[in-house]
Amino acid sequence: MKIEILGMGCPKCKKLYENAQTAVKEANVDADVVKVEDIQKIMNYGIMITPAIAIDGEVKAAGRIPASAEIKQWISKS
C-alpha cells in the first residue's frame, strides 16, 4: 500500500503526514507513507488545494487534515 501526502511542506501538510503515519501504525499494515512536494506531480492528481492524501493513487481528501482515525478507516477498506 502506498499513501501519498500531497503538499509543499507547510505545517498542515506535516500534520497530515504525522496523522497518516499514526494511522498506519495503529492499523498494523505494511504501507509506505511518502511526501509528494513536486507541484507537477500534485497537479497530475487534479489537486487544487493542499494538503491532500492519496491511497494507492486514489485521492481521499484535499484541503483539510483528516484525523488518523479517518485515515485508518480508509486503510482498512483498501
C-alpha atoms as a PDB file:
ATOM      1  CA  MET A   1       0.000   0.000   0.000  1.00  0.00           C
ATOM      2  CA  LYS A   2       1.261   3.475  -0.859  1.00  0.00           C
ATOM      3  CA  ILE A   3      -0.003   6.536   0.973  1.00  0.00           C
ATOM      4  CA  GLU A   4       0.968   9.867  -0.532  1.00  0.00           C
ATOM      5  CA  ILE A   5       0.771  13.194   1.260  1.00  0.00           C
ATOM      6  CA  LEU A   6       0.428  15.877  -1.393  1.00  0.00           C
ATOM      7  CA  GLY A   7       1.634  19.327  -0.413  1.00  0.00           C
ATOM      8  CA  MET A   8       4.513  21.752  -0.455  1.00  0.00           C
ATOM      9  CA  GLY A   9       5.689  21.126   3.110  1.00  0.00           C
ATOM     10  CA  CYS A  10       3.512  23.560   5.023  1.00  0.00           C
ATOM     11  CA  PRO A  11       2.607  22.888   8.685  1.00  0.00           C
ATOM     12  CA  LYS A  12      -0.764  21.410   7.626  1.00  0.00           C
ATOM     13  CA  CYS A  13       0.999  19.008   5.266  1.00  0.00           C
ATOM     14  CA  LYS A  14       3.352  17.950   8.039  1.00  0.00           C
ATOM     15  CA  LYS A  15       0.402  17.324  10.389  1.00  0.00           C
ATOM     16  CA  LEU A  16      -1.346  15.196   7.747  1.00  0.00           C
ATOM     17  CA  TYR A  17       1.880  13.208   7.290  1.00  0.00           C
ATOM     18  CA  GLU A  18       2.007  12.577  11.058  1.00  0.00           C
ATOM     19  CA  ASN A  19      -1.654  11.517  11.103  1.00  0.00           C
ATOM     20  CA  ALA A  20      -1.046   9.091   8.234  1.00  0.00           C
ATOM     21  CA  GLN A  21       1.946   7.549   9.993  1.00  0.00           C
ATOM     22  CA  THR A  22      -0.103   7.145  13.178  1.00  0.00           C
ATOM     23  CA  ALA A  23      -2.947   5.509  11.239  1.00  0.00           C
ATOM     24  CA  VAL A  24      -0.583   3.026   9.569  1.00  0.00           C
ATOM     25  CA  LYS A  25       0.948   2.126  12.916  1.00  0.00           C
ATOM     26  CA  GLU A  26      -2.451   1.710  14.610  1.00  0.00           C
ATOM     27  CA  ALA A  27      -3.845  -0.349  11.710  1.00  0.00           C
ATOM     28  CA  ASN A  28      -0.723  -2.516  11.786  1.00  0.00           C
ATOM     29  CA  VAL A  29      -0.425  -2.638   7.996  1.00  0.00           C
ATOM     30  CA  ASP A  30       2.532  -2.613   5.650  1.00  0.00           C
ATOM     31  CA  ALA A  31       2.350   0.761   3.913  1.00  0.00           C
ATOM     32  CA  ASP A  32       4.756   3.343   2.583  1.00  0.00           C
ATOM     33  CA  VAL A  33       3.899   6.892   3.625  1.00  0.00           C
ATOM     34  CA  VAL A  34       5.597   9.375   1.318  1.00  0.00           C
ATOM     35  CA  LYS A  35       5.533  13.127   0.877  1.00  0.00           C
ATOM     36  CA  VAL A  36       4.929  14.451  -2.627  1.00  0.00           C
ATOM     37  CA  GLU A  37       6.133  18.058  -2.844  1.00  0.00           C
ATOM     38  CA  ASP A  38       6.623  18.301  -6.617  1.00  0.00           C
ATOM     39  CA  ILE A  39       3.912  20.694  -7.844  1.00  0.00           C
ATOM     40  CA  GLN A  40       3.691  18.913 -11.204  1.00  0.00           C
ATOM     41  CA  LYS A  41       3.013  15.548  -9.549  1.00  0.00           C
ATOM     42  CA  ILE A  42       0.434  17.144  -7.267  1.00  0.00           C
ATOM     43  CA  MET A  43      -1.301  18.733 -10.264  1.00  0.00           C
ATOM     44  CA  ASN A  44      -1.373  15.348 -12.015  1.00  0.00           C
ATOM     45  CA  TYR A  45      -3.816  14.266  -9.290  1.00  0.00           C
ATOM     46  CA  GLY A  46      -6.068  17.225 -10.105  1.00  0.00           C
ATOM     47  CA  ILE A  47      -5.455  18.712  -6.664  1.00  0.00           C
ATOM     48  CA  MET A  48      -6.038  22.459  -6.492  1.00  0.00           C
ATOM     49  CA  ILE A  49      -5.742  22.828  -2.715  1.00  0.00           C
ATOM     50  CA  THR A  50      -3.387  21.176  -0.268  1.00  0.00           C
ATOM     51  CA  PRO A  51      -2.840  19.277   1.862  1.00  0.00           C
ATOM     52  CA  ALA A  52      -4.237  16.182   0.236  1.00  0.00           C
ATOM     53  CA  ILE A  53      -3.916  12.451   0.772  1.00  0.00           C
ATOM     54  CA  ALA A  54      -3.981   9.662  -1.799  1.00  0.00           C
ATOM     55  CA  ILE A  55      -4.043   5.946  -1.051  1.00  0.00           C
ATOM     56  CA  ASP A  56      -2.866   3.679  -3.851  1.00  0.00           C
ATOM     57  CA  GLY A  57      -3.351   6.525  -6.331  1.00  0.00           C
ATOM     58  CA  GLU A  58      -6.879   7.473  -5.219  1.00  0.00           C
ATOM     59  CA  VAL A  59      -7.331  10.915  -3.652  1.00  0.00           C
ATOM     60  CA  LYS A  60      -9.236  10.556  -0.393  1.00  0.00           C
ATOM     61  CA  ALA A  61      -9.241  14.165   0.840  1.00  0.00           C
ATOM     62  CA  ALA A  62      -7.976  17.587  -0.201  1.00  0.00           C
ATOM     63  CA  GLY A  63      -7.872  20.932   1.531  1.00  0.00           C
ATOM     64  CA  ARG A  64      -8.239  19.516   5.017  1.00  0.00           C
ATOM     65  CA  ILE A  65      -6.412  17.423   7.595  1.00  0.00           C
ATOM     66  CA  PRO A  66      -8.219  14.108   8.163  1.00  0.00           C
ATOM     67  CA  ALA A  67      -7.763  12.631  11.631  1.00  0.00           C
ATOM     68  CA  SER A  68      -5.715   9.465  11.976  1.00  0.00           C
ATOM     69  CA  ALA A  69      -8.927   7.540  12.782  1.00  0.00           C
ATOM     70  CA  GLU A  70     -10.449   8.552   9.430  1.00  0.00           C
ATOM     71  CA  ILE A  71      -7.265   7.599   7.574  1.00  0.00           C
ATOM     72  CA  LYS A  72      -7.253   4.271   9.406  1.00  0.00           C
ATOM     73  CA  GLN A  73     -10.775   3.561   8.093  1.00  0.00           C
ATOM     74  CA  TRP A  74      -9.623   4.226   4.527  1.00  0.00           C
ATOM     75  CA  ILE A  75      -6.647   1.927   5.035  1.00  0.00           C
ATOM     76  CA  SER A  76      -8.912  -0.841   6.303  1.00  0.00           C
ATOM     77  CA  LYS A  77     -11.110  -0.592   3.213  1.00  0.00           C
ATOM     78  CA  SER A  78      -8.169  -0.674   0.792  1.00  0.00           C
END
